[in-house]
C-alpha atoms as a PDB file:
ATOM      1  CA  UNK A   1     -68.138 -97.029 -46.529  1.00  0.00           C
ATOM      2  CA  UNK A   2     -70.508 -94.177 -46.681  1.00  0.00           C
ATOM      3  CA  UNK A   3     -74.051 -93.788 -47.782  1.00  0.00           C
ATOM      4  CA  UNK A   4     -77.197 -92.680 -46.045  1.00  0.00           C
ATOM      5  CA  UNK A   5     -77.247 -93.514 -42.347  1.00  0.00           C
ATOM      6  CA  UNK A   6     -73.518 -94.248 -42.126  1.00  0.00           C
ATOM      7  CA  UNK A   7     -71.659 -93.737 -38.877  1.00  0.00           C
ATOM      8  CA  UNK A   8     -67.945 -92.797 -39.008  1.00  0.00           C
ATOM      9  CA  UNK A   9     -65.501 -93.423 -36.182  1.00  0.00           C
ATOM     10  CA  UNK A  10     -61.948 -92.257 -35.645  1.00  0.00           C
ATOM     11  CA  UNK A  11     -59.447 -92.702 -32.826  1.00  0.00           C
ATOM     12  CA  UNK A  12     -57.274 -89.726 -31.856  1.00  0.00           C
ATOM     13  CA  UNK A  13     -54.634 -88.962 -29.265  1.00  0.00           C
ATOM     14  CA  UNK A  14     -55.521 -85.948 -27.164  1.00  0.00           C
ATOM     15  CA  UNK A  15     -54.754 -84.225 -23.885  1.00  0.00           C
ATOM     16  CA  UNK A  16     -56.782 -85.707 -21.031  1.00  0.00           C
ATOM     17  CA  UNK A  17     -56.657 -82.542 -18.932  1.00  0.00           C
ATOM     18  CA  UNK A  18     -57.022 -79.279 -20.868  1.00  0.00           C
ATOM     19  CA  UNK A  19     -57.468 -76.973 -17.881  1.00  0.00           C
ATOM     20  CA  UNK A  20     -55.173 -73.980 -17.341  1.00  0.00           C
ATOM     21  CA  UNK A  21     -51.757 -75.098 -16.135  1.00  0.00           C
ATOM     22  CA  UNK A  22     -52.270 -78.734 -17.142  1.00  0.00           C
ATOM     23  CA  UNK A  23     -49.159 -80.587 -18.254  1.00  0.00           C
ATOM     24  CA  UNK A  24     -48.213 -80.622 -21.933  1.00  0.00           C
ATOM     25  CA  UNK A  25     -46.157 -83.798 -21.390  1.00  0.00           C
ATOM     26  CA  UNK A  26     -47.559 -86.579 -23.554  1.00  0.00           C
ATOM     27  CA  UNK A  27     -46.451 -89.298 -21.127  1.00  0.00           C
ATOM     28  CA  UNK A  28     -48.490 -87.882 -18.257  1.00  0.00           C
ATOM     29  CA  UNK A  29     -51.421 -86.115 -19.935  1.00  0.00           C
ATOM     30  CA  UNK A  30     -52.409 -87.874 -23.152  1.00  0.00           C
ATOM     31  CA  UNK A  31     -55.073 -90.422 -23.867  1.00  0.00           C
ATOM     32  CA  UNK A  32     -56.773 -92.175 -26.737  1.00  0.00           C
ATOM     33  CA  UNK A  33     -60.250 -90.864 -27.602  1.00  0.00           C
ATOM     34  CA  UNK A  34     -62.980 -92.334 -29.799  1.00  0.00           C
ATOM     35  CA  UNK A  35     -64.882 -89.853 -31.983  1.00  0.00           C
ATOM     36  CA  UNK A  36     -68.116 -90.431 -33.969  1.00  0.00           C
ATOM     37  CA  UNK A  37     -69.905 -88.585 -36.776  1.00  0.00           C
ATOM     38  CA  UNK A  38     -72.613 -89.110 -39.377  1.00  0.00           C
ATOM     39  CA  UNK A  39     -70.301 -87.471 -41.958  1.00  0.00           C
ATOM     40  CA  UNK A  40     -66.761 -88.418 -42.949  1.00  0.00           C
ATOM     41  CA  UNK A  41     -65.808 -84.739 -42.655  1.00  0.00           C
ATOM     42  CA  UNK A  42     -67.399 -84.160 -39.241  1.00  0.00           C
ATOM     43  CA  UNK A  43     -68.268 -82.575 -37.008  1.00  0.00           C
ATOM     44  CA  UNK A  44     -67.226 -85.369 -34.643  1.00  0.00           C
ATOM     45  CA  UNK A  45     -68.608 -86.094 -31.189  1.00  0.00           C
ATOM     46  CA  UNK A  46     -66.027 -87.106 -28.546  1.00  0.00           C
ATOM     47  CA  UNK A  47     -67.266 -90.357 -27.011  1.00  0.00           C
ATOM     48  CA  UNK A  48     -64.554 -90.152 -24.362  1.00  0.00           C
ATOM     49  CA  UNK A  49     -61.199 -91.627 -23.547  1.00  0.00           C
ATOM     50  CA  UNK A  50     -60.591 -95.282 -24.312  1.00  0.00           C
ATOM     51  CA  UNK A  51     -59.806 -97.054 -21.046  1.00  0.00           C
ATOM     52  CA  UNK A  52     -58.174-100.473 -20.957  1.00  0.00           C
ATOM     53  CA  UNK A  53     -59.272-103.658 -19.241  1.00  0.00           C
ATOM     54  CA  UNK A  54     -57.196-102.752 -16.174  1.00  0.00           C
ATOM     55  CA  UNK A  55     -58.450 -99.147 -16.010  1.00  0.00           C
ATOM     56  CA  UNK A  56     -55.351 -97.874 -17.823  1.00  0.00           C
ATOM     57  CA  UNK A  57     -54.951 -95.089 -20.376  1.00  0.00           C
ATOM     58  CA  UNK A  58     -53.210 -95.622 -23.697  1.00  0.00           C
ATOM     59  CA  UNK A  59     -50.594 -93.724 -25.683  1.00  0.00           C
ATOM     60  CA  UNK A  60     -51.511 -90.902 -28.007  1.00  0.00           C
ATOM     61  CA  UNK A  61     -50.232 -92.641 -31.175  1.00  0.00           C
ATOM     62  CA  UNK A  62     -52.733 -94.971 -32.805  1.00  0.00           C
ATOM     63  CA  UNK A  63     -53.250 -96.937 -35.998  1.00  0.00           C
ATOM     64  CA  UNK A  64     -56.393 -98.959 -36.735  1.00  0.00           C
ATOM     65  CA  UNK A  65     -57.349-101.325 -39.543  1.00  0.00           C
ATOM     66  CA  UNK A  66     -59.871-104.072 -40.351  1.00  0.00           C
ATOM     67  CA  UNK A  67     -58.388-107.542 -40.806  1.00  0.00           C
ATOM     68  CA  UNK A  68     -59.566-108.730 -44.250  1.00  0.00           C
ATOM     69  CA  UNK A  69     -59.595-112.383 -43.167  1.00  0.00           C
ATOM     70  CA  UNK A  70     -61.780-112.307 -40.046  1.00  0.00           C
ATOM     71  CA  UNK A  71     -63.226-108.753 -40.068  1.00  0.00           C
ATOM     72  CA  UNK A  72     -61.761-107.908 -36.641  1.00  0.00           C
ATOM     73  CA  UNK A  73     -60.799-104.302 -35.949  1.00  0.00           C
ATOM     74  CA  UNK A  74     -57.171-104.049 -34.847  1.00  0.00           C
ATOM     75  CA  UNK A  75     -55.906-100.969 -33.040  1.00  0.00           C
ATOM     76  CA  UNK A  76     -52.161-100.594 -32.414  1.00  0.00           C
ATOM     77  CA  UNK A  77     -50.924 -98.198 -29.746  1.00  0.00           C
ATOM     78  CA  UNK A  78     -48.512 -98.001 -26.831  1.00  0.00           C
ATOM     79  CA  UNK A  79     -49.461 -98.776 -23.259  1.00  0.00           C
ATOM     80  CA  UNK A  80     -50.156-101.604 -20.841  1.00  0.00           C
ATOM     81  CA  UNK A  81     -51.851-104.744 -22.125  1.00  0.00           C
ATOM     82  CA  UNK A  82     -53.977-106.212 -19.330  1.00  0.00           C
ATOM     83  CA  UNK A  83     -52.018-108.996 -17.655  1.00  0.00           C
ATOM     84  CA  UNK A  84     -49.173-108.878 -20.195  1.00  0.00           C
ATOM     85  CA  UNK A  85     -47.040-105.763 -19.601  1.00  0.00           C
ATOM     86  CA  UNK A  86     -46.056-102.464 -21.224  1.00  0.00           C
ATOM     87  CA  UNK A  87     -45.111-101.879 -24.851  1.00  0.00           C
ATOM     88  CA  UNK A  88     -46.687-101.826 -28.277  1.00  0.00           C
ATOM     89  CA  UNK A  89     -50.100-103.404 -27.896  1.00  0.00           C
ATOM     90  CA  UNK A  90     -52.957-104.488 -30.097  1.00  0.00           C
ATOM     91  CA  UNK A  91     -56.502-103.964 -28.987  1.00  0.00           C
ATOM     92  CA  UNK A  92     -58.747-106.348 -30.945  1.00  0.00           C
ATOM     93  CA  UNK A  93     -62.481-105.997 -31.478  1.00  0.00           C
ATOM     94  CA  UNK A  94     -63.570-109.367 -32.872  1.00  0.00           C
ATOM     95  CA  UNK A  95     -66.911-107.824 -33.918  1.00  0.00           C
ATOM     96  CA  UNK A  96     -65.112-105.205 -36.045  1.00  0.00           C
ATOM     97  CA  UNK A  97     -66.886-102.458 -34.093  1.00  0.00           C
ATOM     98  CA  UNK A  98     -65.033 -99.398 -32.808  1.00  0.00           C
ATOM     99  CA  UNK A  99     -67.249 -99.745 -29.726  1.00  0.00           C
ATOM    100  CA  UNK A 100     -65.676-103.135 -28.890  1.00  0.00           C
ATOM    101  CA  UNK A 101     -65.691-105.273 -26.887  1.00  0.00           C
ATOM    102  CA  UNK A 102     -61.871-105.304 -26.866  1.00  0.00           C
ATOM    103  CA  UNK A 103     -59.165-107.774 -25.948  1.00  0.00           C
ATOM    104  CA  UNK A 104     -55.580-106.581 -25.356  1.00  0.00           C
ATOM    105  CA  UNK A 105     -52.405-108.223 -26.640  1.00  0.00           C
ATOM    106  CA  UNK A 106     -48.774-107.262 -26.038  1.00  0.00           C
ATOM    107  CA  UNK A 107     -46.917-107.146 -29.379  1.00  0.00           C
ATOM    108  CA  UNK A 108     -43.502-105.876 -28.323  1.00  0.00           C
ATOM    109  CA  UNK A 109     -42.506-105.431 -24.688  1.00  0.00           C
ATOM    110  CA  UNK A 110     -40.581-102.306 -23.839  1.00  0.00           C
ATOM    111  CA  UNK A 111     -38.306-102.249 -20.791  1.00  0.00           C
ATOM    112  CA  UNK A 112     -37.286 -99.402 -18.526  1.00  0.00           C
ATOM    113  CA  UNK A 113     -33.605 -98.779 -17.860  1.00  0.00           C
ATOM    114  CA  UNK A 114     -31.529 -95.997 -16.456  1.00  0.00           C
ATOM    115  CA  UNK A 115     -29.518 -94.518 -19.341  1.00  0.00           C
ATOM    116  CA  UNK A 116     -27.326 -91.500 -18.688  1.00  0.00           C
ATOM    117  CA  UNK A 117     -29.003 -91.065 -15.297  1.00  0.00           C
ATOM    118  CA  UNK A 118     -32.597 -90.932 -16.567  1.00  0.00           C
ATOM    119  CA  UNK A 119     -35.403 -93.478 -16.717  1.00  0.00           C
ATOM    120  CA  UNK A 120     -36.365 -94.377 -20.262  1.00  0.00           C
ATOM    121  CA  UNK A 121     -38.591 -96.933 -21.987  1.00  0.00           C
ATOM    122  CA  UNK A 122     -36.420 -98.694 -24.547  1.00  0.00           C
ATOM    123  CA  UNK A 123     -36.369-101.509 -27.079  1.00  0.00           C
ATOM    124  CA  UNK A 124     -35.570-104.155 -24.492  1.00  0.00           C
ATOM    125  CA  UNK A 125     -34.563-104.421 -20.842  1.00  0.00           C
ATOM    126  CA  UNK A 126     -31.091-105.651 -21.809  1.00  0.00           C
ATOM    127  CA  UNK A 127     -30.289-102.425 -23.679  1.00  0.00           C
ATOM    128  CA  UNK A 128     -26.683-101.378 -23.062  1.00  0.00           C
ATOM    129  CA  UNK A 129     -26.062 -99.149 -26.099  1.00  0.00           C
ATOM    130  CA  UNK A 130     -27.828 -95.784 -25.845  1.00  0.00           C
ATOM    131  CA  UNK A 131     -26.553 -94.987 -29.371  1.00  0.00           C
ATOM    132  CA  UNK A 132     -28.256 -97.980 -30.997  1.00  0.00           C
ATOM    133  CA  UNK A 133     -30.476 -96.727 -33.868  1.00  0.00           C
ATOM    134  CA  UNK A 134     -33.579 -98.168 -32.209  1.00  0.00           C
ATOM    135  CA  UNK A 135     -32.708 -97.816 -28.540  1.00  0.00           C
ATOM    136  CA  UNK A 136     -36.043 -96.019 -28.183  1.00  0.00           C
ATOM    137  CA  UNK A 137     -39.088 -97.287 -30.110  1.00  0.00           C
ATOM    138  CA  UNK A 138     -41.980 -94.958 -30.915  1.00  0.00           C
ATOM    139  CA  UNK A 139     -44.911 -94.289 -33.232  1.00  0.00           C
ATOM    140  CA  UNK A 140     -46.006 -97.867 -34.016  1.00  0.00           C
ATOM    141  CA  UNK A 141     -47.842 -98.599 -37.252  1.00  0.00           C
ATOM    142  CA  UNK A 142     -48.847-101.793 -39.046  1.00  0.00           C
ATOM    143  CA  UNK A 143     -49.914-103.368 -42.307  1.00  0.00           C
ATOM    144  CA  UNK A 144     -52.201-106.363 -42.777  1.00  0.00           C
ATOM    145  CA  UNK A 145     -51.461-108.671 -45.689  1.00  0.00           C
ATOM    146  CA  UNK A 146     -54.226-110.395 -47.681  1.00  0.00           C
ATOM    147  CA  UNK A 147     -53.470-113.554 -45.674  1.00  0.00           C
ATOM    148  CA  UNK A 148     -54.281-111.742 -42.407  1.00  0.00           C
ATOM    149  CA  UNK A 149     -50.619-111.721 -41.391  1.00  0.00           C
ATOM    150  CA  UNK A 150     -49.674-108.488 -39.604  1.00  0.00           C
ATOM    151  CA  UNK A 151     -46.405-106.569 -39.985  1.00  0.00           C
ATOM    152  CA  UNK A 152     -45.551-103.977 -37.326  1.00  0.00           C
ATOM    153  CA  UNK A 153     -43.224-101.032 -37.922  1.00  0.00           C
ATOM    154  CA  UNK A 154     -41.965 -98.228 -35.709  1.00  0.00           C
ATOM    155  CA  UNK A 155     -39.729 -95.189 -35.570  1.00  0.00           C
ATOM    156  CA  UNK A 156     -36.433 -95.955 -33.855  1.00  0.00           C
ATOM    157  CA  UNK A 157     -34.141 -93.357 -32.303  1.00  0.00           C
ATOM    158  CA  UNK A 158     -31.049 -93.302 -30.150  1.00  0.00           C
ATOM    159  CA  UNK A 159     -31.696 -92.852 -26.453  1.00  0.00           C
END
């Protein structure tokens, strides 16, 4: 991209509430924001927090790419997919525009279990081994092959 008259967009995770005393906990005070600029180096204007089809916020980790086959913009993050549940989700803008409109699709459902006395979102609801290398899934990313096929990766840790 680039050139005269170009508009640049980026998605970033940021604190929703930055007032004094606001929580620093990502799970309770982070959202996904869309930024826009006429230069690839900024300055960027914050267009606000991305809100899902059910009024929900999304995780602060995000990866976005254009599908080379159909031109759709795919955005991978963590959160609730409208009508489908919580986990790694794709938001899809069929138009390829960062402004949407968006559909939401659950890629990998995460389940909550009590492990060592604490609630935790984990790889699956049947998790019984808190020492499994990917008991907890985080930081989703993806690659799109020339065929349009999508491969999703993540960082796995023990619970």
